[in-house]
Amino acid sequence: MTIDVSTILKEIGGKIELDGEVYLSDTDFLGELYHFNGPLKIAGYISNTGQCLIMRAECTGYVNTQCARCMKDIKIPVDFEIDESLAQDDGKESYDEDVILFEDTDIYIDDIVADNFLMNIEGKYLCSEDCKGLCTQCGADLNDGGCGCNSENIDPRWTALIDIMNKDK
């Protein structure tokens, strides 16, 4: 989504309303894959403060990922706010590193939305709070019932001690 800000660049206090959809491509972040089936809705504005442009918006939608315990595909709601400072890159001024520079009069906001999405995701998502995950031995989904594996997880370094204890019985 590209926004033409030419009408507010020279007008202090000028404002452009944002109301549309942003299409993001699949994102692999910290070992997790996030798949967007549809667009994220964006609503907000870009305003001119006289020193820079301010973008304030809210993004909502859904993203598909996997449960961190059982690896089932899950659909999670996305809802985050964007609050960014934007400045036209004229090559002369040096700006704070938190300012996003744009050229000419068009701002391509898809990258801004994608960056803010990554800053607002949780580390891991679960299909349910009581998800039991996968068996560490056979990989069966424990939410579907027991798998029959021995649930005693004994550290192999202790097997010699267990053998000694069993001989004493």
N, C-alpha and C. Protein backbone atom coordinates (compact mmCIF):
# COMPACT_ATOMS: atom_id res chain seq x y z
N MET A 1 0.86 -1.17 0.00
CA MET A 1 0.00 0.00 0.00
C MET A 1 0.90 1.23 0.00
N THR A 2 0.69 2.10 -0.96
CA THR A 2 1.49 3.31 -1.09
C THR A 2 0.61 4.52 -0.79
N ILE A 3 1.14 5.41 0.03
CA ILE A 3 0.41 6.62 0.41
C ILE A 3 1.16 7.83 -0.15
N ASP A 4 0.45 8.66 -0.89
CA ASP A 4 1.02 9.90 -1.44
C ASP A 4 0.81 11.00 -0.39
N VAL A 5 1.92 11.53 0.15
CA VAL A 5 1.84 12.55 1.20
C VAL A 5 2.15 13.95 0.68
N SER A 6 2.12 14.14 -0.64
CA SER A 6 2.47 15.43 -1.22
C SER A 6 1.54 16.55 -0.73
N THR A 7 0.29 16.23 -0.42
CA THR A 7 -0.67 17.26 0.00
C THR A 7 -0.40 17.78 1.41
N ILE A 8 0.32 17.03 2.24
CA ILE A 8 0.55 17.50 3.61
C ILE A 8 2.01 17.85 3.90
N LEU A 9 2.91 17.64 2.95
CA LEU A 9 4.33 17.89 3.20
C LEU A 9 4.62 19.35 3.55
N LYS A 10 3.91 20.26 2.96
CA LYS A 10 4.16 21.69 3.21
C LYS A 10 3.07 22.33 4.05
N GLU A 11 2.19 21.51 4.59
CA GLU A 11 1.07 22.01 5.38
C GLU A 11 1.19 21.51 6.81
N ILE A 12 1.70 22.33 7.71
CA ILE A 12 1.83 21.94 9.11
C ILE A 12 0.44 21.70 9.67
N GLY A 13 0.27 20.55 10.28
CA GLY A 13 -1.04 20.15 10.81
C GLY A 13 -1.88 19.38 9.82
N GLY A 14 -1.39 19.25 8.59
CA GLY A 14 -2.12 18.49 7.58
C GLY A 14 -2.19 17.02 7.96
N LYS A 15 -3.26 16.37 7.51
CA LYS A 15 -3.48 14.98 7.91
C LYS A 15 -4.08 14.19 6.75
N ILE A 16 -3.61 12.95 6.61
CA ILE A 16 -4.16 12.01 5.63
C ILE A 16 -4.68 10.81 6.42
N GLU A 17 -5.94 10.46 6.17
CA GLU A 17 -6.54 9.30 6.84
C GLU A 17 -6.08 8.01 6.15
N LEU A 18 -5.83 7.00 6.97
CA LEU A 18 -5.48 5.67 6.46
C LEU A 18 -6.65 4.74 6.75
N ASP A 19 -7.12 4.07 5.73
CA ASP A 19 -8.18 3.09 5.89
C ASP A 19 -8.08 2.14 4.72
N GLY A 20 -7.46 1.00 4.95
CA GLY A 20 -7.27 0.08 3.83
C GLY A 20 -6.77 -1.26 4.30
N GLU A 21 -6.15 -1.96 3.37
CA GLU A 21 -5.65 -3.31 3.64
C GLU A 21 -4.20 -3.40 3.18
N VAL A 22 -3.43 -4.12 3.98
CA VAL A 22 -2.03 -4.35 3.66
C VAL A 22 -1.83 -5.85 3.52
N TYR A 23 -1.25 -6.26 2.39
CA TYR A 23 -0.99 -7.67 2.12
C TYR A 23 0.47 -7.96 2.45
N LEU A 24 0.69 -8.84 3.42
CA LEU A 24 2.05 -9.21 3.81
C LEU A 24 2.36 -10.61 3.33
N SER A 25 3.61 -10.83 2.99
CA SER A 25 4.03 -12.17 2.58
C SER A 25 4.39 -12.99 3.81
N ASP A 26 4.46 -14.31 3.62
CA ASP A 26 4.82 -15.19 4.73
C ASP A 26 6.14 -14.75 5.34
N THR A 27 6.21 -14.85 6.66
CA THR A 27 7.37 -14.37 7.39
C THR A 27 7.91 -15.46 8.28
N ASP A 28 9.20 -15.70 8.21
CA ASP A 28 9.88 -16.64 9.09
C ASP A 28 10.66 -15.80 10.09
N PHE A 29 10.29 -15.91 11.37
CA PHE A 29 10.90 -15.07 12.39
C PHE A 29 11.19 -15.91 13.63
N LEU A 30 12.45 -15.95 14.03
CA LEU A 30 12.90 -16.69 15.21
C LEU A 30 12.45 -18.15 15.16
N GLY A 31 12.54 -18.75 13.99
CA GLY A 31 12.22 -20.16 13.83
C GLY A 31 10.73 -20.47 13.68
N GLU A 32 9.89 -19.46 13.68
CA GLU A 32 8.45 -19.65 13.53
C GLU A 32 8.02 -19.08 12.18
N LEU A 33 7.11 -19.79 11.50
CA LEU A 33 6.59 -19.32 10.22
C LEU A 33 5.22 -18.71 10.45
N TYR A 34 5.02 -17.50 9.95
CA TYR A 34 3.75 -16.81 10.03
C TYR A 34 3.21 -16.64 8.62
N HIS A 35 2.01 -17.21 8.39
CA HIS A 35 1.40 -17.20 7.07
C HIS A 35 0.14 -16.34 7.10
N PHE A 36 0.06 -15.37 6.21
CA PHE A 36 -1.08 -14.47 6.13
C PHE A 36 -2.01 -14.96 5.02
N ASN A 37 -3.20 -15.45 5.39
CA ASN A 37 -4.18 -15.89 4.40
C ASN A 37 -4.86 -14.72 3.71
N GLY A 38 -4.93 -13.61 4.41
CA GLY A 38 -5.59 -12.43 3.87
C GLY A 38 -4.86 -11.19 4.33
N PRO A 39 -5.41 -10.05 4.00
CA PRO A 39 -4.74 -8.79 4.35
C PRO A 39 -4.95 -8.43 5.82
N LEU A 40 -4.09 -7.55 6.31
CA LEU A 40 -4.30 -6.91 7.61
C LEU A 40 -5.02 -5.59 7.32
N LYS A 41 -6.01 -5.29 8.13
CA LYS A 41 -6.73 -4.02 7.98
C LYS A 41 -5.96 -2.95 8.75
N ILE A 42 -5.84 -1.78 8.14
CA ILE A 42 -5.13 -0.68 8.78
C ILE A 42 -6.05 0.55 8.80
N ALA A 43 -6.09 1.19 9.97
CA ALA A 43 -6.89 2.40 10.12
C ALA A 43 -6.10 3.37 10.98
N GLY A 44 -6.03 4.61 10.55
CA GLY A 44 -5.29 5.61 11.30
C GLY A 44 -5.06 6.85 10.46
N TYR A 45 -3.89 7.47 10.65
CA TYR A 45 -3.60 8.69 9.90
C TYR A 45 -2.09 8.95 9.85
N ILE A 46 -1.73 9.83 8.93
CA ILE A 46 -0.38 10.38 8.85
C ILE A 46 -0.56 11.89 8.93
N SER A 47 0.16 12.52 9.87
CA SER A 47 0.02 13.97 10.03
C SER A 47 1.38 14.64 10.00
N ASN A 48 1.37 15.93 9.66
CA ASN A 48 2.59 16.72 9.57
C ASN A 48 2.71 17.58 10.83
N THR A 49 3.79 17.38 11.60
CA THR A 49 4.01 18.15 12.83
C THR A 49 4.85 19.40 12.58
N GLY A 50 5.37 19.52 11.40
CA GLY A 50 6.25 20.63 11.08
C GLY A 50 7.71 20.20 11.07
N GLN A 51 8.06 19.23 11.89
CA GLN A 51 9.42 18.69 11.91
C GLN A 51 9.50 17.36 11.18
N CYS A 52 8.42 16.59 11.26
CA CYS A 52 8.38 15.30 10.58
C CYS A 52 6.92 14.89 10.42
N LEU A 53 6.71 13.76 9.79
CA LEU A 53 5.37 13.20 9.68
C LEU A 53 5.22 12.13 10.75
N ILE A 54 4.04 12.03 11.32
CA ILE A 54 3.75 11.03 12.32
C ILE A 54 2.70 10.07 11.75
N MET A 55 2.98 8.78 11.84
CA MET A 55 2.02 7.77 11.40
C MET A 55 1.51 7.06 12.64
N ARG A 56 0.21 7.14 12.85
CA ARG A 56 -0.44 6.43 13.95
C ARG A 56 -1.58 5.63 13.35
N ALA A 57 -1.56 4.32 13.63
CA ALA A 57 -2.58 3.45 13.04
C ALA A 57 -2.74 2.19 13.88
N GLU A 58 -3.84 1.50 13.64
CA GLU A 58 -4.07 0.21 14.26
C GLU A 58 -4.23 -0.82 13.15
N CYS A 59 -3.58 -1.96 13.33
CA CYS A 59 -3.66 -3.05 12.36
C CYS A 59 -4.33 -4.24 13.02
N THR A 60 -5.26 -4.84 12.29
CA THR A 60 -5.96 -6.03 12.78
C THR A 60 -6.06 -7.05 11.67
N GLY A 61 -6.19 -8.29 12.06
CA GLY A 61 -6.34 -9.37 11.09
C GLY A 61 -6.02 -10.69 11.74
N TYR A 62 -5.63 -11.65 10.91
CA TYR A 62 -5.30 -12.99 11.40
C TYR A 62 -4.04 -13.49 10.71
N VAL A 63 -3.32 -14.36 11.42
CA VAL A 63 -2.13 -14.99 10.86
C VAL A 63 -2.15 -16.46 11.29
N ASN A 64 -1.66 -17.32 10.43
CA ASN A 64 -1.56 -18.74 10.75
C ASN A 64 -0.13 -19.07 11.14
N THR A 65 -0.01 -19.88 12.18
CA THR A 65 1.30 -20.37 12.63
C THR A 65 1.07 -21.75 13.23
N GLN A 66 2.04 -22.28 13.95
CA GLN A 66 1.91 -23.59 14.57
C GLN A 66 1.96 -23.48 16.08
N CYS A 67 1.22 -24.37 16.73
CA CYS A 67 1.26 -24.45 18.19
C CYS A 67 2.69 -24.83 18.59
N ALA A 68 3.20 -24.17 19.60
CA ALA A 68 4.58 -24.40 20.03
C ALA A 68 4.75 -25.75 20.71
N ARG A 69 3.67 -26.38 21.14
CA ARG A 69 3.77 -27.67 21.83
C ARG A 69 3.42 -28.87 20.94
N CYS A 70 2.30 -28.77 20.20
CA CYS A 70 1.86 -29.95 19.43
C CYS A 70 2.02 -29.78 17.92
N MET A 71 2.43 -28.63 17.48
CA MET A 71 2.71 -28.34 16.06
C MET A 71 1.47 -28.31 15.16
N LYS A 72 0.26 -28.26 15.76
CA LYS A 72 -0.95 -28.12 14.95
C LYS A 72 -0.99 -26.71 14.38
N ASP A 73 -1.58 -26.60 13.18
CA ASP A 73 -1.78 -25.27 12.59
C ASP A 73 -2.85 -24.54 13.38
N ILE A 74 -2.57 -23.29 13.70
CA ILE A 74 -3.53 -22.48 14.44
C ILE A 74 -3.64 -21.11 13.78
N LYS A 75 -4.81 -20.51 13.93
CA LYS A 75 -5.08 -19.18 13.41
C LYS A 75 -5.19 -18.25 14.61
N ILE A 76 -4.34 -17.22 14.63
CA ILE A 76 -4.33 -16.32 15.78
C ILE A 76 -4.70 -14.90 15.35
N PRO A 77 -5.41 -14.19 16.21
CA PRO A 77 -5.75 -12.81 15.88
C PRO A 77 -4.53 -11.90 16.01
N VAL A 78 -4.49 -10.90 15.16
CA VAL A 78 -3.42 -9.90 15.17
C VAL A 78 -4.07 -8.55 15.45
N ASP A 79 -3.52 -7.83 16.42
CA ASP A 79 -4.03 -6.51 16.76
C ASP A 79 -2.89 -5.71 17.38
N PHE A 80 -2.37 -4.73 16.66
CA PHE A 80 -1.27 -3.93 17.18
C PHE A 80 -1.37 -2.50 16.67
N GLU A 81 -0.70 -1.62 17.39
CA GLU A 81 -0.70 -0.21 17.03
C GLU A 81 0.64 0.19 16.43
N ILE A 82 0.58 1.15 15.53
CA ILE A 82 1.78 1.69 14.90
C ILE A 82 1.91 3.15 15.31
N ASP A 83 3.09 3.53 15.73
CA ASP A 83 3.38 4.92 16.09
C ASP A 83 4.80 5.21 15.60
N GLU A 84 4.91 5.75 14.40
CA GLU A 84 6.21 5.95 13.76
C GLU A 84 6.39 7.40 13.32
N SER A 85 7.64 7.84 13.35
CA SER A 85 8.02 9.14 12.81
C SER A 85 8.62 8.93 11.43
N LEU A 86 8.19 9.74 10.48
CA LEU A 86 8.63 9.62 9.09
C LEU A 86 9.21 10.96 8.64
N ALA A 87 10.24 10.90 7.80
CA ALA A 87 10.82 12.13 7.27
C ALA A 87 11.26 11.90 5.83
N GLN A 88 11.13 12.95 5.04
CA GLN A 88 11.55 12.89 3.65
C GLN A 88 13.07 12.93 3.61
N ASP A 89 13.67 11.99 2.91
CA ASP A 89 15.12 11.89 2.82
C ASP A 89 15.62 12.90 1.79
N ASP A 90 16.16 13.99 2.30
CA ASP A 90 16.69 15.01 1.38
C ASP A 90 18.21 14.91 1.26
N GLY A 91 18.83 14.00 1.98
CA GLY A 91 20.27 13.80 1.92
C GLY A 91 21.07 14.83 2.69
N LYS A 92 20.44 15.83 3.25
CA LYS A 92 21.15 16.90 3.95
C LYS A 92 21.10 16.74 5.46
N GLU A 93 19.91 16.54 5.99
CA GLU A 93 19.75 16.45 7.45
C GLU A 93 20.07 15.06 7.94
N SER A 94 20.56 15.00 9.17
CA SER A 94 20.73 13.70 9.80
C SER A 94 19.60 13.54 10.81
N TYR A 95 18.95 12.41 10.76
CA TYR A 95 17.79 12.15 11.59
C TYR A 95 18.13 11.10 12.64
N ASP A 96 17.34 11.10 13.69
CA ASP A 96 17.41 10.08 14.71
C ASP A 96 17.20 8.72 14.03
N GLU A 97 17.83 7.68 14.55
CA GLU A 97 17.72 6.37 13.93
C GLU A 97 16.32 5.79 14.01
N ASP A 98 15.45 6.34 14.86
CA ASP A 98 14.08 5.86 14.96
C ASP A 98 13.16 6.45 13.89
N VAL A 99 13.66 7.40 13.12
CA VAL A 99 12.87 8.02 12.07
C VAL A 99 12.99 7.19 10.81
N ILE A 100 11.86 6.92 10.19
CA ILE A 100 11.83 6.17 8.93
C ILE A 100 11.89 7.17 7.79
N LEU A 101 12.88 7.01 6.92
CA LEU A 101 13.06 7.94 5.79
C LEU A 101 12.32 7.42 4.56
N PHE A 102 11.76 8.34 3.79
CA PHE A 102 11.12 8.00 2.52
C PHE A 102 11.59 8.98 1.46
N GLU A 103 11.53 8.56 0.22
CA GLU A 103 11.95 9.41 -0.90
C GLU A 103 10.74 9.95 -1.62
N ASP A 104 10.93 11.05 -2.30
CA ASP A 104 9.86 11.70 -3.07
C ASP A 104 8.68 12.01 -2.16
N THR A 105 7.48 11.66 -2.60
CA THR A 105 6.28 11.96 -1.81
C THR A 105 5.45 10.72 -1.51
N ASP A 106 5.96 9.56 -1.84
CA ASP A 106 5.23 8.31 -1.60
C ASP A 106 5.84 7.55 -0.44
N ILE A 107 4.97 7.05 0.44
CA ILE A 107 5.40 6.21 1.55
C ILE A 107 4.82 4.82 1.33
N TYR A 108 5.69 3.86 1.22
CA TYR A 108 5.30 2.46 1.06
C TYR A 108 5.15 1.89 2.47
N ILE A 109 3.91 1.68 2.93
CA ILE A 109 3.70 1.34 4.33
C ILE A 109 3.72 -0.16 4.64
N ASP A 110 3.80 -1.01 3.62
CA ASP A 110 3.82 -2.45 3.88
C ASP A 110 5.00 -2.85 4.77
N ASP A 111 6.18 -2.29 4.50
CA ASP A 111 7.35 -2.61 5.31
C ASP A 111 7.21 -2.10 6.74
N ILE A 112 6.58 -0.95 6.90
CA ILE A 112 6.35 -0.40 8.24
C ILE A 112 5.41 -1.32 9.02
N VAL A 113 4.35 -1.79 8.36
CA VAL A 113 3.40 -2.71 9.01
C VAL A 113 4.10 -4.03 9.34
N ALA A 114 4.89 -4.56 8.41
CA ALA A 114 5.59 -5.84 8.66
C ALA A 114 6.55 -5.72 9.84
N ASP A 115 7.31 -4.64 9.90
CA ASP A 115 8.23 -4.44 11.02
C ASP A 115 7.50 -4.33 12.35
N ASN A 116 6.39 -3.61 12.36
CA ASN A 116 5.62 -3.47 13.59
C ASN A 116 4.94 -4.79 13.97
N PHE A 117 4.53 -5.58 13.00
CA PHE A 117 3.99 -6.91 13.29
C PHE A 117 5.03 -7.73 14.03
N LEU A 118 6.27 -7.75 13.53
CA LEU A 118 7.32 -8.54 14.16
C LEU A 118 7.66 -8.05 15.56
N MET A 119 7.53 -6.75 15.80
CA MET A 119 7.81 -6.21 17.13
C MET A 119 6.69 -6.53 18.12
N ASN A 120 5.53 -6.94 17.62
CA ASN A 120 4.39 -7.16 18.50
C ASN A 120 3.95 -8.62 18.64
N ILE A 121 4.63 -9.54 17.99
CA ILE A 121 4.22 -10.94 18.14
C ILE A 121 4.78 -11.50 19.44
N GLU A 122 4.06 -12.49 19.95
CA GLU A 122 4.52 -13.18 21.15
C GLU A 122 5.58 -14.19 20.73
N GLY A 123 6.34 -14.67 21.69
CA GLY A 123 7.39 -15.64 21.39
C GLY A 123 6.84 -16.95 20.85
N LYS A 124 5.83 -17.48 21.51
CA LYS A 124 5.25 -18.76 21.11
C LYS A 124 3.73 -18.68 21.27
N TYR A 125 3.03 -19.43 20.43
CA TYR A 125 1.57 -19.49 20.49
C TYR A 125 1.16 -20.93 20.75
N LEU A 126 0.08 -21.10 21.50
CA LEU A 126 -0.45 -22.43 21.82
C LEU A 126 -1.85 -22.58 21.26
N CYS A 127 -2.21 -23.83 20.89
CA CYS A 127 -3.56 -24.09 20.40
C CYS A 127 -4.57 -23.98 21.53
N SER A 128 -4.14 -24.28 22.75
CA SER A 128 -4.94 -24.08 23.95
C SER A 128 -3.99 -24.01 25.14
N GLU A 129 -4.45 -23.40 26.22
CA GLU A 129 -3.60 -23.25 27.40
C GLU A 129 -3.20 -24.60 28.00
N ASP A 130 -4.06 -25.61 27.84
CA ASP A 130 -3.77 -26.92 28.42
C ASP A 130 -3.24 -27.92 27.38
N CYS A 131 -2.64 -27.42 26.32
CA CYS A 131 -2.06 -28.30 25.30
C CYS A 131 -0.98 -29.18 25.93
N LYS A 132 -1.07 -30.49 25.68
CA LYS A 132 -0.13 -31.45 26.27
C LYS A 132 1.11 -31.66 25.43
N GLY A 133 1.07 -31.22 24.19
CA GLY A 133 2.25 -31.32 23.33
C GLY A 133 2.43 -32.70 22.72
N LEU A 134 3.66 -32.99 22.35
CA LEU A 134 4.02 -34.25 21.70
C LEU A 134 4.84 -35.12 22.64
N CYS A 135 4.69 -36.43 22.49
CA CYS A 135 5.50 -37.36 23.27
C CYS A 135 6.96 -37.19 22.86
N THR A 136 7.84 -37.09 23.83
CA THR A 136 9.26 -36.90 23.52
C THR A 136 9.92 -38.15 22.97
N GLN A 137 9.24 -39.29 23.10
CA GLN A 137 9.83 -40.54 22.61
C GLN A 137 9.33 -40.92 21.22
N CYS A 138 7.99 -40.90 21.04
CA CYS A 138 7.45 -41.37 19.75
C CYS A 138 6.88 -40.25 18.89
N GLY A 139 6.66 -39.06 19.47
CA GLY A 139 6.15 -37.93 18.71
C GLY A 139 4.65 -37.88 18.58
N ALA A 140 3.92 -38.76 19.27
CA ALA A 140 2.46 -38.77 19.20
C ALA A 140 1.90 -37.52 19.86
N ASP A 141 0.76 -37.06 19.35
CA ASP A 141 0.08 -35.90 19.93
C ASP A 141 -0.62 -36.35 21.21
N LEU A 142 -0.17 -35.88 22.35
CA LEU A 142 -0.72 -36.30 23.64
C LEU A 142 -2.10 -35.72 23.90
N ASN A 143 -2.53 -34.76 23.09
CA ASN A 143 -3.89 -34.24 23.21
C ASN A 143 -4.92 -35.26 22.73
N ASP A 144 -4.49 -36.20 21.89
CA ASP A 144 -5.38 -37.24 21.36
C ASP A 144 -5.45 -38.45 22.28
N GLY A 145 -4.71 -38.45 23.38
CA GLY A 145 -4.69 -39.58 24.31
C GLY A 145 -3.27 -40.05 24.51
N GLY A 146 -3.12 -41.04 25.39
CA GLY A 146 -1.79 -41.58 25.68
C GLY A 146 -1.24 -42.34 24.49
N CYS A 147 0.06 -42.48 24.47
CA CYS A 147 0.70 -43.16 23.35
C CYS A 147 1.25 -44.52 23.74
N GLY A 148 1.29 -44.83 25.03
CA GLY A 148 1.79 -46.12 25.47
C GLY A 148 3.27 -46.16 25.75
N CYS A 149 3.96 -45.06 25.53
CA CYS A 149 5.40 -45.02 25.81
C CYS A 149 5.62 -44.97 27.33
N ASN A 150 6.77 -45.43 27.76
CA ASN A 150 7.15 -45.34 29.16
C ASN A 150 7.35 -43.86 29.48
N SER A 151 6.58 -43.36 30.42
CA SER A 151 6.66 -41.94 30.72
C SER A 151 7.77 -41.61 31.71
N GLU A 152 8.47 -42.63 32.19
CA GLU A 152 9.61 -42.39 33.09
C GLU A 152 10.79 -41.95 32.24
N ASN A 153 11.11 -40.73 32.34
CA ASN A 153 12.27 -40.21 31.61
C ASN A 153 13.46 -40.25 32.56
N ILE A 154 14.30 -41.25 32.37
CA ILE A 154 15.46 -41.41 33.24
C ILE A 154 16.70 -40.99 32.49
N ASP A 155 17.43 -40.11 33.12
CA ASP A 155 18.69 -39.64 32.56
C ASP A 155 19.64 -40.84 32.45
N PRO A 156 20.18 -41.12 31.27
CA PRO A 156 21.04 -42.30 31.10
C PRO A 156 22.27 -42.29 32.02
N ARG A 157 22.66 -41.15 32.52
CA ARG A 157 23.82 -41.10 33.42
C ARG A 157 23.51 -41.74 34.77
N TRP A 158 22.23 -41.93 35.09
CA TRP A 158 21.84 -42.51 36.37
C TRP A 158 21.53 -44.01 36.27
N THR A 159 21.61 -44.61 35.10
CA THR A 159 21.24 -46.02 34.96
C THR A 159 22.09 -46.95 35.81
N ALA A 160 23.36 -46.65 35.98
CA ALA A 160 24.22 -47.49 36.82
C ALA A 160 23.73 -47.48 38.26
N LEU A 161 23.32 -46.34 38.77
CA LEU A 161 22.79 -46.24 40.12
C LEU A 161 21.48 -47.00 40.25
N ILE A 162 20.63 -46.93 39.23
CA ILE A 162 19.36 -47.66 39.24
C ILE A 162 19.63 -49.16 39.27
N ASP A 163 20.62 -49.62 38.50
CA ASP A 163 20.98 -51.04 38.51
C ASP A 163 21.43 -51.49 39.89
N ILE A 164 22.22 -50.67 40.57
CA ILE A 164 22.69 -51.00 41.94
C ILE A 164 21.49 -51.08 42.88
N MET A 165 20.56 -50.12 42.76
CA MET A 165 19.40 -50.12 43.63
C MET A 165 18.52 -51.33 43.37
N ASN A 166 18.38 -51.76 42.13
CA ASN A 166 17.57 -52.92 41.80
C ASN A 166 18.20 -54.21 42.30
N LYS A 167 19.53 -54.31 42.36
CA LYS A 167 20.21 -55.50 42.87
C LYS A 167 19.99 -55.66 44.36
N ASP A 168 19.86 -54.54 45.07
CA ASP A 168 19.65 -54.59 46.52
C ASP A 168 18.25 -55.04 46.88
N LYS A 169 17.32 -54.98 45.97
CA LYS A 169 15.94 -55.37 46.28
C LYS A 169 15.85 -56.83 46.24
